[in-house]
Amino acid sequence: MKIKLLCIAGLLLLPLAASAQTAEEIVKKALDARGGVEKIRAVQSERVSGQVSFSRGMAGTFVVELKRPLKMHTEIIVEGQKIIRVYDGKSSGWMINPFLEKKEVQPLSSEDLKSISDESDFDGPLVDYQAKGNQIELAGKEKLDDKPVYRLKLTNKNGDVRFYFFDSASFLLLKWEGIRKNGEEDLPWESFFSDFRDVQGLKYPFRIDQGSPGTEFKQTLTAEKIEINPPIDDSRFVKPVAESTPPAPPSFPAPASPPRSN
């Protein structure tokens, strides 16, 4: 009788063992859910444009241009003021922010340069993650807004830790959380991804709600158009020229560039 009970117990455990996922399997399924590694690697440039809104009732437009390898040009216009952030894909980056005291072109800080290659990598941190020096662990399975999700822990080559939450059914990325630098301050930061749409065989979130929990740092980015492989001249990724602008209104938290989904 005891042997039969043990056999039955073993059979009951089989579905649990079969459904277990490893971090590597989740990474593969997440990349397949986006459209597959081959299609992701085939993208040579991207342009994302849309609307951005902030917690203080301010709103504007944004355009992000990306080009291999790791080049990025971001423009955000709020109340007639244009914020520009550029990275040349190698070692130099610049910013123009009329909402700050210094309105001329400023070099990106060492902290910005430390993380900007992640922002400008439109493959996302999962593609070739080992070659990029990223370590990935499965941190568990939980619920996010009543949806079962897999939680992956990613440690990048700089030692920064982030968590990615993937829908256990669709394997699309629903949330990202980590730390964002705001001047000398480290802020907890989270981004929620929704409204996924197909663009030339690849899935993109057309809405990103992000901010620092418990603070006024909140913003929503709503993409209106995502272009795959648009022609973008390399001159877009060199040091920008400051435009002559009227006096800026009172300062507000500078918006972050839209994060990559995965």
Protein backbone atom coordinates (compact mmCIF):
# COMPACT_ATOMS: atom_id res chain seq x y z
CA MET A 1 0.00 0.00 0.00
CA LYS A 2 2.83 2.36 0.85
CA ILE A 3 4.47 1.75 -2.55
CA LYS A 4 1.26 2.58 -4.40
CA LEU A 5 0.85 5.83 -2.48
CA LEU A 6 4.41 6.85 -3.30
CA CYS A 7 3.80 6.15 -6.98
CA ILE A 8 0.63 8.24 -6.96
CA ALA A 9 2.47 11.07 -5.21
CA GLY A 10 5.16 10.90 -7.85
CA LEU A 11 2.60 11.15 -10.64
CA LEU A 12 1.03 14.21 -9.01
CA LEU A 13 4.41 15.94 -9.03
CA LEU A 14 5.10 15.29 -12.70
CA PRO A 15 3.07 18.25 -14.05
CA LEU A 16 4.91 20.60 -11.69
CA ALA A 17 8.30 19.35 -12.83
CA ALA A 18 7.31 19.53 -16.49
CA SER A 19 6.12 23.14 -16.16
CA ALA A 20 9.25 24.35 -14.40
CA GLN A 21 11.16 26.99 -16.39
CA THR A 22 14.82 27.92 -16.33
CA ALA A 23 16.08 31.46 -16.84
CA GLU A 24 17.53 30.47 -20.22
CA GLU A 25 14.19 29.04 -21.37
CA ILE A 26 12.34 32.19 -20.32
CA VAL A 27 14.86 34.36 -22.18
CA LYS A 28 14.36 32.32 -25.34
CA LYS A 29 10.57 32.44 -25.08
CA ALA A 30 10.64 36.19 -24.40
CA LEU A 31 12.78 36.81 -27.50
CA ASP A 32 10.54 34.53 -29.58
CA ALA A 33 7.48 36.42 -28.28
CA ARG A 34 8.97 39.67 -29.61
CA GLY A 35 9.45 38.14 -33.06
CA GLY A 36 12.66 36.14 -32.80
CA VAL A 37 16.36 36.93 -32.53
CA GLU A 38 16.92 37.01 -36.30
CA LYS A 39 14.30 39.73 -36.84
CA ILE A 40 15.61 41.70 -33.86
CA ARG A 41 19.17 41.59 -35.20
CA ALA A 42 17.98 42.59 -38.68
CA VAL A 43 16.92 46.01 -37.36
CA GLN A 44 19.67 48.50 -38.18
CA SER A 45 17.88 51.67 -37.08
CA GLU A 46 14.70 52.74 -35.29
CA ARG A 47 12.70 55.92 -34.89
CA VAL A 48 10.02 56.15 -32.19
CA SER A 49 7.82 59.26 -31.94
CA GLY A 50 4.87 60.12 -29.76
CA GLN A 51 3.53 61.97 -26.73
CA VAL A 52 4.93 62.27 -23.20
CA SER A 53 3.07 63.47 -20.10
CA PHE A 54 4.33 64.25 -16.60
CA SER A 55 2.85 64.15 -13.12
CA ARG A 56 2.64 67.95 -12.84
CA GLY A 57 0.24 68.18 -15.75
CA MET A 58 2.97 69.06 -18.23
CA ALA A 59 3.01 67.30 -21.59
CA GLY A 60 4.96 67.29 -24.80
CA THR A 61 6.28 65.23 -27.68
CA PHE A 62 9.30 62.99 -28.07
CA VAL A 63 11.38 61.45 -30.85
CA VAL A 64 14.02 58.80 -30.22
CA GLU A 65 16.35 57.74 -33.03
CA LEU A 66 18.60 54.71 -32.68
CA LYS A 67 21.20 53.29 -35.03
CA ARG A 68 23.77 50.55 -34.81
CA PRO A 69 26.14 50.43 -33.12
CA LEU A 70 24.61 51.97 -29.98
CA LYS A 71 23.98 55.44 -31.43
CA MET A 72 21.10 57.44 -29.94
CA HIS A 73 19.48 60.85 -30.44
CA THR A 74 16.55 61.88 -28.24
CA GLU A 75 14.47 65.06 -28.50
CA ILE A 76 11.68 65.99 -26.09
CA ILE A 77 9.71 69.20 -26.57
CA VAL A 78 7.79 70.59 -23.58
CA GLU A 79 6.19 74.07 -23.56
CA GLY A 80 8.24 75.08 -26.59
CA GLN A 81 11.50 73.99 -24.96
CA LYS A 82 13.58 71.25 -26.58
CA ILE A 83 15.60 68.78 -24.51
CA ILE A 84 18.25 66.96 -26.56
CA ARG A 85 20.31 63.95 -25.51
CA VAL A 86 22.86 62.39 -27.87
CA TYR A 87 25.27 59.45 -27.69
CA ASP A 88 27.78 58.75 -30.47
CA GLY A 89 27.80 54.99 -29.84
CA LYS A 90 31.42 55.02 -28.70
CA SER A 91 32.43 57.06 -25.69
CA SER A 92 30.92 60.56 -25.93
CA GLY A 93 27.51 61.99 -25.22
CA TRP A 94 25.91 65.41 -24.82
CA MET A 95 22.78 67.02 -23.46
CA ILE A 96 20.94 70.30 -23.92
CA ASN A 97 18.31 70.96 -21.25
CA PRO A 98 16.80 74.47 -21.16
CA PHE A 99 15.07 73.61 -17.88
CA LEU A 100 18.44 73.53 -16.12
CA GLU A 101 20.52 76.53 -15.05
CA LYS A 102 23.19 75.79 -17.68
CA LYS A 103 21.44 75.89 -21.04
CA GLU A 104 24.41 75.34 -23.32
CA VAL A 105 25.57 71.93 -24.56
CA GLN A 106 26.79 69.81 -21.64
CA PRO A 107 28.79 66.58 -21.81
CA LEU A 108 26.99 63.61 -20.30
CA SER A 109 28.22 62.72 -16.84
CA SER A 110 30.29 59.61 -16.21
CA GLU A 111 27.23 58.07 -14.54
CA ASP A 112 25.13 58.73 -17.65
CA LEU A 113 27.80 57.27 -19.91
CA LYS A 114 28.03 54.24 -17.65
CA SER A 115 24.45 53.27 -18.40
CA ILE A 116 23.67 54.88 -21.75
CA SER A 117 24.87 51.90 -23.79
CA ASP A 118 21.92 50.00 -22.28
CA GLU A 119 19.49 52.71 -23.40
CA SER A 120 20.91 52.82 -26.92
CA ASP A 121 20.99 49.03 -27.33
CA PHE A 122 17.72 48.43 -29.19
CA ASP A 123 18.36 44.69 -29.19
CA GLY A 124 17.66 44.85 -25.45
CA PRO A 125 19.63 43.25 -22.61
CA LEU A 126 18.50 39.68 -23.36
CA VAL A 127 19.93 39.29 -26.87
CA ASP A 128 23.45 37.86 -26.53
CA TYR A 129 23.23 38.67 -22.83
CA GLN A 130 26.25 36.57 -21.90
CA ALA A 131 28.47 38.27 -24.49
CA LYS A 132 27.34 41.64 -23.08
CA GLY A 133 28.46 40.58 -19.60
CA ASN A 134 24.91 40.24 -18.25
CA GLN A 135 24.06 37.53 -15.75
CA ILE A 136 20.46 36.33 -15.58
CA GLU A 137 18.75 34.35 -12.83
CA LEU A 138 15.17 33.22 -12.35
CA ALA A 139 14.04 35.04 -9.20
CA GLY A 140 10.65 33.32 -8.96
CA LYS A 141 7.09 33.31 -10.21
CA GLU A 142 4.54 35.76 -8.79
CA LYS A 143 1.53 37.85 -9.75
CA LEU A 144 1.49 41.30 -11.29
CA ASP A 145 -1.99 42.86 -11.39
CA ASP A 146 -3.42 39.34 -11.02
CA LYS A 147 -1.35 38.06 -13.95
CA PRO A 148 1.16 35.24 -13.32
CA VAL A 149 4.63 36.49 -14.24
CA TYR A 150 8.18 35.19 -14.22
CA ARG A 151 10.63 37.47 -12.45
CA LEU A 152 14.15 37.53 -13.89
CA LYS A 153 17.08 39.13 -12.11
CA LEU A 154 19.66 40.69 -14.41
CA THR A 155 23.08 41.83 -13.20
CA ASN A 156 24.98 43.78 -15.84
CA LYS A 157 28.73 44.13 -16.29
CA ASN A 158 28.74 47.26 -14.09
CA GLY A 159 27.16 45.32 -11.23
CA ASP A 160 23.80 47.09 -11.55
CA VAL A 161 20.82 44.86 -10.71
CA ARG A 162 17.43 45.04 -12.43
CA PHE A 163 14.34 42.87 -12.42
CA TYR A 164 12.23 42.00 -15.45
CA PHE A 165 8.68 40.63 -15.20
CA PHE A 166 7.43 38.50 -18.11
CA ASP A 167 3.84 37.38 -18.62
CA SER A 168 3.87 33.61 -18.04
CA ALA A 169 1.42 33.08 -20.92
CA SER A 170 2.57 35.50 -23.63
CA PHE A 171 6.17 35.96 -22.38
CA LEU A 172 5.93 39.67 -23.21
CA LEU A 173 7.67 42.06 -20.82
CA LEU A 174 5.16 43.72 -18.47
CA LYS A 175 7.44 45.49 -16.00
CA TRP A 176 11.03 46.56 -15.35
CA GLU A 177 12.40 47.80 -12.04
CA GLY A 178 15.79 48.98 -10.88
CA ILE A 179 17.71 52.10 -9.81
CA ARG A 180 17.98 55.35 -11.75
CA LYS A 181 20.47 58.12 -11.04
CA ASN A 182 18.98 61.59 -10.50
CA GLY A 183 21.98 63.81 -9.95
CA GLU A 184 23.74 62.37 -6.91
CA GLU A 185 20.62 60.55 -5.75
CA ASP A 186 19.76 56.91 -6.42
CA LEU A 187 16.03 56.51 -7.05
CA PRO A 188 14.06 53.28 -7.26
CA TRP A 189 12.58 53.22 -10.75
CA GLU A 190 9.93 51.11 -12.46
CA SER A 191 8.42 50.94 -15.93
CA PHE A 192 5.18 49.23 -17.00
CA PHE A 193 4.77 48.15 -20.63
CA SER A 194 1.41 47.77 -22.37
CA ASP A 195 -0.49 48.15 -25.65
CA PHE A 196 1.78 45.77 -27.56
CA ARG A 197 1.48 46.00 -31.33
CA ASP A 198 3.12 44.30 -34.27
CA VAL A 199 5.53 46.40 -36.33
CA GLN A 200 7.02 44.54 -39.27
CA GLY A 201 6.92 41.25 -37.40
CA LEU A 202 8.24 42.58 -34.08
CA LYS A 203 6.21 43.31 -30.93
CA TYR A 204 6.59 46.76 -29.37
CA PRO A 205 4.87 48.33 -26.34
CA PHE A 206 3.14 51.52 -27.48
CA ARG A 207 2.61 52.71 -23.91
CA ILE A 208 5.19 52.96 -21.10
CA ASP A 209 4.24 54.22 -17.62
CA GLN A 210 7.32 54.88 -15.55
CA GLY A 211 8.51 56.67 -12.46
CA SER A 212 9.90 56.42 -8.96
CA PRO A 213 7.42 54.92 -6.45
CA GLY A 214 6.38 57.34 -3.71
CA THR A 215 7.74 60.41 -5.51
CA GLU A 216 6.52 62.97 -8.06
CA PHE A 217 8.86 61.53 -10.69
CA LYS A 218 6.29 59.99 -13.04
CA GLN A 219 5.79 60.07 -16.78
CA THR A 220 3.86 58.27 -19.49
CA LEU A 221 5.20 57.77 -22.99
CA THR A 222 2.70 56.92 -25.71
CA ALA A 223 4.20 55.95 -29.04
CA GLU A 224 2.30 57.10 -32.10
CA LYS A 225 4.70 55.79 -34.71
CA ILE A 226 7.54 53.26 -34.68
CA GLU A 227 9.69 53.10 -37.81
CA ILE A 228 11.97 50.17 -38.56
CA ASN A 229 15.18 50.80 -40.54
CA PRO A 230 14.46 54.45 -41.45
CA PRO A 231 17.42 56.26 -43.06
CA ILE A 232 19.18 58.25 -40.32
CA ASP A 233 22.31 60.23 -41.14
CA ASP A 234 25.27 59.80 -38.80
CA SER A 235 25.32 63.58 -38.28
CA ARG A 236 22.38 63.06 -35.89
CA PHE A 237 24.75 61.44 -33.41
CA VAL A 238 27.45 64.11 -33.13
CA LYS A 239 27.64 66.97 -30.63
CA PRO A 240 24.43 69.03 -31.02
CA VAL A 241 24.26 72.81 -31.40
CA ALA A 242 22.27 74.80 -28.84
CA GLU A 243 19.37 76.73 -30.31
CA SER A 244 18.42 80.24 -29.28
CA THR A 245 15.39 79.81 -27.03
CA PRO A 246 13.23 82.12 -24.85
CA PRO A 247 13.65 81.96 -21.07
CA ALA A 248 12.69 78.57 -19.69
CA PRO A 249 9.79 78.07 -17.30
CA PRO A 250 10.45 76.72 -13.80
CA SER A 251 12.47 73.53 -13.83
CA PHE A 252 10.94 70.07 -13.54
CA PRO A 253 12.43 66.57 -13.45
CA ALA A 254 14.13 65.83 -16.75
CA PRO A 255 12.41 62.92 -18.49
CA ALA A 256 14.24 59.67 -19.08
CA SER A 257 14.62 58.17 -22.51
CA PRO A 258 12.12 55.41 -23.28
CA PRO A 259 13.61 52.17 -22.00
CA ARG A 260 14.01 49.11 -24.20
CA SER A 261 11.42 46.44 -23.68
CA ASN A 262 13.79 43.44 -23.86
